[in-house]
C-alpha atoms as a PDB file:
ATOM      1  CA  MET A   1      43.372  -1.247 -22.071  1.00  0.00           C
ATOM      2  CA  LYS A   2      44.250  -0.041 -18.612  1.00  0.00           C
ATOM      3  CA  ALA A   3      43.039  -2.038 -15.613  1.00  0.00           C
ATOM      4  CA  ASP A   4      41.491   0.984 -13.984  1.00  0.00           C
ATOM      5  CA  VAL A   5      39.047   1.560 -16.855  1.00  0.00           C
ATOM      6  CA  LEU A   6      37.781  -2.075 -17.019  1.00  0.00           C
ATOM      7  CA  PRO A   7      33.995  -2.438 -16.278  1.00  0.00           C
ATOM      8  CA  VAL A   8      32.753  -3.361 -12.913  1.00  0.00           C
ATOM      9  CA  THR A   9      30.682  -6.544 -12.699  1.00  0.00           C
ATOM     10  CA  THR A  10      27.463  -6.379 -10.678  1.00  0.00           C
ATOM     11  CA  ASP A  11      26.481  -9.624  -9.107  1.00  0.00           C
ATOM     12  CA  GLU A  12      24.418  -9.297  -6.019  1.00  0.00           C
ATOM     13  CA  PRO A  13      22.480  -6.167  -5.212  1.00  0.00           C
ATOM     14  CA  GLY A  14      24.968  -3.904  -3.334  1.00  0.00           C
ATOM     15  CA  LEU A  15      28.059  -5.959  -4.312  1.00  0.00           C
ATOM     16  CA  ARG A  16      30.035  -4.548  -7.243  1.00  0.00           C
ATOM     17  CA  ILE A  17      33.176  -6.460  -7.863  1.00  0.00           C
ATOM     18  CA  PRO A  18      35.814  -4.602  -9.865  1.00  0.00           C
ATOM     19  CA  ALA A  19      37.518  -6.262 -12.795  1.00  0.00           C
ATOM     20  CA  TRP A  20      40.884  -6.184 -11.034  1.00  0.00           C
ATOM     21  CA  VAL A  21      39.788  -8.621  -8.369  1.00  0.00           C
ATOM     22  CA  PRO A  22      41.211 -12.067  -9.232  1.00  0.00           C
ATOM     23  CA  LYS A  23      38.540 -14.503 -10.426  1.00  0.00           C
ATOM     24  CA  PRO A  24      38.968 -17.005  -7.556  1.00  0.00           C
ATOM     25  CA  VAL A  25      38.470 -14.150  -5.037  1.00  0.00           C
ATOM     26  CA  ALA A  26      35.502 -12.818  -6.941  1.00  0.00           C
ATOM     27  CA  GLU A  27      33.861 -16.227  -6.947  1.00  0.00           C
ATOM     28  CA  VAL A  28      34.208 -16.671  -3.110  1.00  0.00           C
ATOM     29  CA  ALA A  29      33.065 -13.080  -2.631  1.00  0.00           C
ATOM     30  CA  ARG A  30      29.759 -13.752  -4.573  1.00  0.00           C
ATOM     31  CA  GLU A  31      29.091 -16.956  -2.646  1.00  0.00           C
ATOM     32  CA  ALA A  32      29.908 -15.539   0.857  1.00  0.00           C
ATOM     33  CA  TYR A  33      28.081 -12.282   0.127  1.00  0.00           C
ATOM     34  CA  ALA A  34      24.854 -14.213  -0.802  1.00  0.00           C
ATOM     35  CA  ALA A  35      25.065 -16.415   2.287  1.00  0.00           C
ATOM     36  CA  GLY A  36      26.354 -13.939   4.729  1.00  0.00           C
ATOM     37  CA  ASP A  37      24.836 -11.700   7.363  1.00  0.00           C
ATOM     38  CA  GLU A  38      25.244  -7.896   7.406  1.00  0.00           C
ATOM     39  CA  SER A  39      28.581  -7.923   9.143  1.00  0.00           C
ATOM     40  CA  ALA A  40      30.063 -10.522   6.768  1.00  0.00           C
ATOM     41  CA  ARG A  41      28.832  -8.531   3.821  1.00  0.00           C
ATOM     42  CA  LYS A  42      30.577  -5.466   4.923  1.00  0.00           C
ATOM     43  CA  THR A  43      33.768  -7.374   5.418  1.00  0.00           C
ATOM     44  CA  ILE A  44      33.464  -9.009   1.930  1.00  0.00           C
ATOM     45  CA  SER A  45      32.741  -5.575   0.341  1.00  0.00           C
ATOM     46  CA  ARG A  46      35.901  -4.134   1.989  1.00  0.00           C
ATOM     47  CA  LEU A  47      38.187  -7.054   0.974  1.00  0.00           C
ATOM     48  CA  ALA A  48      36.857  -7.728  -2.506  1.00  0.00           C
ATOM     49  CA  CYS A  49      35.869  -4.293  -3.662  1.00  0.00           C
ATOM     50  CA  ASP A  50      37.788  -1.589  -1.789  1.00  0.00           C
ATOM     51  CA  GLU A  51      40.373   0.068  -4.014  1.00  0.00           C
ATOM     52  CA  ARG A  52      42.879  -0.222  -1.238  1.00  0.00           C
ATOM     53  CA  MET A  53      42.817  -4.019  -1.615  1.00  0.00           C
ATOM     54  CA  ARG A  54      43.781  -3.731  -5.331  1.00  0.00           C
ATOM     55  CA  ARG A  55      47.462  -3.790  -4.432  1.00  0.00           C
ATOM     56  CA  VAL A  56      47.053  -6.743  -2.041  1.00  0.00           C
ATOM     57  CA  TRP A  57      45.393  -8.958  -4.753  1.00  0.00           C
ATOM     58  CA  HIS A  58      47.944  -7.771  -7.351  1.00  0.00           C
ATOM     59  CA  GLU A  59      50.856  -8.673  -5.056  1.00  0.00           C
ATOM     60  CA  LEU A  60      49.411 -12.154  -4.368  1.00  0.00           C
ATOM     61  CA  SER A  61      49.109 -12.682  -8.096  1.00  0.00           C
ATOM     62  CA  ARG A  62      52.631 -11.572  -9.010  1.00  0.00           C
ATOM     63  CA  ARG A  63      55.156 -13.902 -10.519  1.00  0.00           C
ATOM     64  CA  HIS A  64      58.940 -14.177 -10.939  1.00  0.00           C
ATOM     65  CA  ARG A  65      60.422 -14.057 -14.427  1.00  0.00           C
ATOM     66  CA  ASP A  66      60.479 -17.828 -14.552  1.00  0.00           C
ATOM     67  CA  GLY A  67      56.660 -17.940 -13.968  1.00  0.00           C
ATOM     68  CA  THR A  68      56.650 -19.037 -10.337  1.00  0.00           C
ATOM     69  CA  PHE A  69      54.599 -17.021  -7.821  1.00  0.00           C
ATOM     70  CA  ILE A  70      56.420 -14.508  -5.760  1.00  0.00           C
ATOM     71  CA  HIS A  71      54.326 -15.366  -2.705  1.00  0.00           C
ATOM     72  CA  PRO A  72      53.462 -19.066  -3.019  1.00  0.00           C
ATOM     73  CA  PRO A  73      51.046 -20.416  -0.385  1.00  0.00           C
ATOM     74  CA  GLY A  74      53.321 -23.282   0.651  1.00  0.00           C
ATOM     75  CA  LEU A  75      50.552 -25.742   0.169  1.00  0.00           C
ATOM     76  CA  ARG A  76      51.422 -29.255  -0.750  1.00  0.00           C
ATOM     77  CA  SER A  77      49.144 -30.476  -3.425  1.00  0.00           C
ATOM     78  CA  THR A  78      49.076 -32.293  -6.774  1.00  0.00           C
ATOM     79  CA  ALA A  79      47.369 -29.263  -8.265  1.00  0.00           C
ATOM     80  CA  ASP A  80      49.452 -26.972 -10.447  1.00  0.00           C
ATOM     81  CA  ALA A  81      50.794 -23.654  -9.199  1.00  0.00           C
ATOM     82  CA  ASN A  82      47.908 -21.682 -10.633  1.00  0.00           C
ATOM     83  CA  GLU A  83      45.258 -23.776  -8.802  1.00  0.00           C
ATOM     84  CA  ARG A  84      47.352 -23.616  -5.490  1.00  0.00           C
ATOM     85  CA  GLN A  85      47.506 -19.809  -5.730  1.00  0.00           C
ATOM     86  CA  ALA A  86      43.902 -19.512  -6.471  1.00  0.00           C
ATOM     87  CA  HIS A  87      43.062 -21.785  -3.556  1.00  0.00           C
ATOM     88  CA  PHE A  88      45.255 -19.691  -1.279  1.00  0.00           C
ATOM     89  CA  MET A  89      43.562 -16.387  -2.340  1.00  0.00           C
ATOM     90  CA  ARG A  90      40.180 -18.042  -1.704  1.00  0.00           C
ATOM     91  CA  MET A  91      41.258 -19.074   1.764  1.00  0.00           C
ATOM     92  CA  VAL A  92      42.450 -15.511   2.604  1.00  0.00           C
ATOM     93  CA  LEU A  93      38.947 -14.139   1.909  1.00  0.00           C
ATOM     94  CA  GLN A  94      37.106 -17.008   3.480  1.00  0.00           C
ATOM     95  CA  ASP A  95      39.132 -16.831   6.735  1.00  0.00           C
ATOM     96  CA  ALA A  96      38.615 -13.193   7.051  1.00  0.00           C
ATOM     97  CA  VAL A  97      34.724 -13.555   6.956  1.00  0.00           C
ATOM     98  CA  ARG A  98      34.393 -16.445   9.270  1.00  0.00           C
ATOM     99  CA  PRO A  99      33.355 -15.430  12.802  1.00  0.00           C
ATOM    100  CA  GLY A 100      35.992 -15.825  15.376  1.00  0.00           C
ATOM    101  CA  ARG A 101      38.766 -16.294  12.723  1.00  0.00           C
ATOM    102  CA  THR A 102      39.956 -12.754  12.816  1.00  0.00           C
ATOM    103  CA  ALA A 103      41.519 -10.854  15.729  1.00  0.00           C
ATOM    104  CA  SER A 104      42.204  -7.268  16.619  1.00  0.00           C
ATOM    105  CA  ARG A 105      45.865  -6.312  16.754  1.00  0.00           C
ATOM    106  CA  ARG A 106      45.726  -6.265  20.558  1.00  0.00           C
ATOM    107  CA  GLN A 107      44.250  -9.747  20.598  1.00  0.00           C
ATOM    108  CA  ALA A 108      46.897 -11.008  18.176  1.00  0.00           C
ATOM    109  CA  GLU A 109      49.690  -9.504  20.372  1.00  0.00           C
ATOM    110  CA  ARG A 110      48.284 -11.014  23.533  1.00  0.00           C
ATOM    111  CA  GLU A 111      48.197 -14.435  21.830  1.00  0.00           C
ATOM    112  CA  HIS A 112      51.738 -13.948  20.513  1.00  0.00           C
ATOM    113  CA  SER A 113      52.898 -13.085  23.885  1.00  0.00           C
ATOM    114  CA  ARG A 114      51.149 -16.083  25.469  1.00  0.00           C
ATOM    115  CA  MET A 115      52.691 -18.372  22.926  1.00  0.00           C
ATOM    116  CA  LEU A 116      56.228 -16.937  23.543  1.00  0.00           C
ATOM    117  CA  GLU A 117      55.776 -17.521  27.298  1.00  0.00           C
ATOM    118  CA  MET A 118      54.635 -21.120  26.692  1.00  0.00           C
ATOM    119  CA  ALA A 119      57.730 -21.665  24.400  1.00  0.00           C
ATOM    120  CA  ARG A 120      60.062 -20.486  27.214  1.00  0.00           C
END
């Protein structure tokens, strides 16, 4: 069965999480959506449900032929690789919806320039 014909799960009113969203991301999206304000809900809907994010979540779930993740999080933990990757994907979504945790491109470039100056 193709992934694009899998059913959409309906959780909260207004939140429809497609079947292609990894389970850890879907879990966090449900929790954050239920607890969030309107702005957070819009962000969650975009990150968890927008078709354009399908490739992102797929890429973060990809593995090498030997079974290791192509994009491992670099977290040190006693958890197995699957648990570390799931934790990493949860963190991506959680960090995006926390107020003050995301920056515009201009803000990020200014911060980068400031840090380069400090390093010099």
